[in-house]
Each structure stands twice: as structure tokens, then as C-alpha cells.
């Protein structure tokens, strides 16, 4: 009977560890998405400014 309790306790601890790892993984993915979004926003802002300058030059030339 005690072996059943031991097995259940072991299973419970493994499930709790899996939940902790899933939570940590979700946080890591969230941080990666936020970083990628910041890089994309910065790149678009810089490229947008350069394109605006380029189109202004083309419009002036025409």
C-alpha cells in the first residue's frame, strides 16, 4: 500500500515540475516576442524615415 502512495507522490512532484517548466517556457517566449517586436518597430521606423527622404528627393527631381 505504501508503494502506491510513493508512486502517487512521485507522479505529483513530476507534474508540478512540468507545470513550473511550462510557465518558465511561456515567460521566455513572451520575452522573445517582446524583443523581436521592439526590433521590428525600430527597423520599420528607421527604414520609414529613410524611404520618406528618398521619395521626397524623387518628387523634387520630378
N, C-alpha and C. Protein backbone atom coordinates (compact mmCIF):
# COMPACT_ATOMS: atom_id res chain seq x y z
N UNK A 1 0.82 -1.19 0.00
CA UNK A 1 0.00 0.00 0.00
C UNK A 1 0.86 1.26 0.00
N UNK A 2 1.96 1.23 0.74
CA UNK A 2 2.82 2.41 0.79
C UNK A 2 3.49 2.66 -0.55
N UNK A 3 3.71 1.62 -1.35
CA UNK A 3 4.32 1.82 -2.66
C UNK A 3 3.37 2.60 -3.59
N UNK A 4 2.07 2.44 -3.41
CA UNK A 4 1.10 3.20 -4.21
C UNK A 4 1.19 4.67 -3.83
N UNK A 5 1.27 4.95 -2.53
CA UNK A 5 1.37 6.34 -2.08
C UNK A 5 2.67 6.97 -2.57
N UNK A 6 3.74 6.19 -2.54
CA UNK A 6 5.02 6.69 -3.03
C UNK A 6 4.94 7.00 -4.52
N UNK A 7 4.31 6.10 -5.27
CA UNK A 7 4.17 6.31 -6.72
C UNK A 7 3.33 7.55 -7.00
N UNK A 8 2.25 7.74 -6.26
CA UNK A 8 1.40 8.91 -6.44
C UNK A 8 2.14 10.20 -6.07
N UNK A 9 2.91 10.15 -5.00
CA UNK A 9 3.69 11.32 -4.59
C UNK A 9 4.73 11.66 -5.65
N UNK A 10 5.37 10.64 -6.21
CA UNK A 10 6.36 10.86 -7.26
C UNK A 10 5.70 11.45 -8.50
N UNK A 11 4.55 10.91 -8.88
CA UNK A 11 3.83 11.43 -10.03
C UNK A 11 3.41 12.87 -9.82
N UNK A 12 2.93 13.18 -8.61
CA UNK A 12 2.52 14.54 -8.30
C UNK A 12 3.70 15.50 -8.42
N UNK A 13 4.85 15.12 -7.88
CA UNK A 13 6.02 16.01 -7.94
C UNK A 13 6.48 16.20 -9.38
N UNK A 14 6.40 15.17 -10.20
CA UNK A 14 6.78 15.31 -11.61
C UNK A 14 5.82 16.24 -12.34
N UNK A 15 4.54 16.13 -12.06
CA UNK A 15 3.57 17.02 -12.69
C UNK A 15 3.77 18.47 -12.27
N UNK A 16 4.10 18.68 -11.01
CA UNK A 16 4.35 20.04 -10.53
C UNK A 16 5.58 20.62 -11.21
N UNK A 17 6.61 19.82 -11.39
CA UNK A 17 7.83 20.29 -12.07
C UNK A 17 7.52 20.63 -13.52
N UNK A 18 6.69 19.81 -14.17
CA UNK A 18 6.33 20.07 -15.56
C UNK A 18 5.57 21.39 -15.67
N UNK A 19 4.68 21.67 -14.72
CA UNK A 19 3.96 22.94 -14.72
C UNK A 19 4.90 24.11 -14.56
N UNK A 20 5.88 24.00 -13.68
CA UNK A 20 6.85 25.07 -13.48
C UNK A 20 7.65 25.32 -14.75
N UNK A 21 8.06 24.24 -15.41
CA UNK A 21 8.83 24.39 -16.64
C UNK A 21 8.00 25.01 -17.74
N UNK A 22 6.72 24.63 -17.84
CA UNK A 22 5.85 25.22 -18.84
C UNK A 22 5.67 26.71 -18.60
N UNK A 23 5.53 27.09 -17.35
CA UNK A 23 5.40 28.51 -17.01
C UNK A 23 6.64 29.29 -17.36
N UNK A 24 7.80 28.71 -17.07
CA UNK A 24 9.06 29.38 -17.39
C UNK A 24 9.24 29.49 -18.91
N UNK A 25 8.85 28.46 -19.62
CA UNK A 25 8.96 28.50 -21.08
C UNK A 25 8.05 29.57 -21.65
N UNK A 26 6.85 29.69 -21.11
CA UNK A 26 5.92 30.71 -21.60
C UNK A 26 6.48 32.11 -21.36
N UNK A 27 7.11 32.32 -20.22
CA UNK A 27 7.71 33.63 -19.93
C UNK A 27 8.86 33.91 -20.89
N UNK A 28 9.67 32.90 -21.15
CA UNK A 28 10.79 33.08 -22.08
C UNK A 28 10.30 33.42 -23.48
N UNK A 29 9.26 32.72 -23.95
CA UNK A 29 8.70 33.03 -25.26
C UNK A 29 8.11 34.44 -25.28
N UNK A 30 7.48 34.83 -24.21
CA UNK A 30 6.92 36.18 -24.13
C UNK A 30 8.00 37.24 -24.23
N UNK A 31 9.12 37.03 -23.54
CA UNK A 31 10.24 37.97 -23.62
C UNK A 31 10.83 38.01 -25.03
N UNK A 32 10.95 36.84 -25.67
CA UNK A 32 11.48 36.81 -27.02
C UNK A 32 10.57 37.55 -27.99
N UNK A 33 9.26 37.36 -27.86
CA UNK A 33 8.31 38.06 -28.73
C UNK A 33 8.40 39.57 -28.53
N UNK A 34 8.52 40.00 -27.27
CA UNK A 34 8.63 41.43 -26.99
C UNK A 34 9.90 42.01 -27.59
N UNK A 35 11.00 41.30 -27.49
CA UNK A 35 12.27 41.77 -28.06
C UNK A 35 12.20 41.83 -29.58
N UNK A 36 11.63 40.80 -30.19
CA UNK A 36 11.51 40.80 -31.64
C UNK A 36 10.60 41.94 -32.10
N UNK A 37 9.51 42.19 -31.39
CA UNK A 37 8.61 43.28 -31.74
C UNK A 37 9.33 44.62 -31.65
N UNK A 38 10.14 44.81 -30.61
CA UNK A 38 10.89 46.06 -30.45
C UNK A 38 11.87 46.25 -31.60
N UNK A 39 12.53 45.19 -32.02
CA UNK A 39 13.48 45.28 -33.14
C UNK A 39 12.74 45.62 -34.43
N UNK A 40 11.60 44.97 -34.65
CA UNK A 40 10.84 45.24 -35.87
C UNK A 40 10.33 46.68 -35.89
N UNK A 41 9.82 47.16 -34.77
CA UNK A 41 9.32 48.54 -34.70
C UNK A 41 10.45 49.53 -34.97
N UNK A 42 11.61 49.29 -34.37
CA UNK A 42 12.76 50.17 -34.59
C UNK A 42 13.19 50.15 -36.06
N UNK A 43 13.26 48.96 -36.65
CA UNK A 43 13.69 48.85 -38.05
C UNK A 43 12.69 49.54 -38.97
N UNK A 44 11.42 49.35 -38.74
CA UNK A 44 10.41 49.99 -39.59
C UNK A 44 10.47 51.51 -39.44
N UNK A 45 10.67 51.98 -38.23
CA UNK A 45 10.76 53.42 -38.02
C UNK A 45 11.97 54.01 -38.77
N UNK A 46 13.11 53.33 -38.68
CA UNK A 46 14.32 53.83 -39.37
C UNK A 46 14.18 53.74 -40.88
N UNK A 47 13.67 52.63 -41.37
CA UNK A 47 13.51 52.46 -42.81
C UNK A 47 12.46 53.43 -43.33
N UNK A 48 11.39 53.63 -42.56
CA UNK A 48 10.35 54.56 -42.96
C UNK A 48 10.88 55.97 -43.13
N UNK A 49 11.74 56.40 -42.23
CA UNK A 49 12.34 57.73 -42.33
C UNK A 49 13.23 57.82 -43.57
N UNK A 50 14.01 56.80 -43.81
CA UNK A 50 14.89 56.80 -44.99
C UNK A 50 14.07 56.77 -46.28
N UNK A 51 13.00 56.00 -46.31
CA UNK A 51 12.15 55.95 -47.50
C UNK A 51 11.46 57.28 -47.74
N UNK A 52 11.04 57.93 -46.67
CA UNK A 52 10.40 59.24 -46.80
C UNK A 52 11.37 60.24 -47.43
N UNK A 53 12.60 60.22 -46.97
CA UNK A 53 13.63 61.11 -47.53
C UNK A 53 13.88 60.78 -49.00
N UNK A 54 13.94 59.50 -49.32
CA UNK A 54 14.18 59.06 -50.70
C UNK A 54 13.04 59.52 -51.61
N UNK A 55 11.80 59.30 -51.19
CA UNK A 55 10.66 59.71 -52.01
C UNK A 55 10.56 61.23 -52.15
N UNK A 56 10.93 61.94 -51.10
CA UNK A 56 10.95 63.40 -51.20
C UNK A 56 11.97 63.85 -52.26
N UNK A 57 13.12 63.20 -52.29
CA UNK A 57 14.15 63.52 -53.28
C UNK A 57 13.68 63.21 -54.69
N UNK A 58 13.00 62.08 -54.86
CA UNK A 58 12.48 61.70 -56.18
C UNK A 58 11.41 62.68 -56.61
N UNK A 59 10.51 63.06 -55.68
CA UNK A 59 9.45 64.01 -56.01
C UNK A 59 10.02 65.37 -56.39
N UNK A 60 11.07 65.78 -55.71
CA UNK A 60 11.71 67.07 -56.02
C UNK A 60 12.36 67.01 -57.40
N UNK A 61 12.98 65.88 -57.71
CA UNK A 61 13.63 65.73 -59.01
C UNK A 61 12.63 65.76 -60.16
N UNK A 62 11.46 65.19 -59.92
CA UNK A 62 10.44 65.17 -60.98
C UNK A 62 9.88 66.56 -61.17
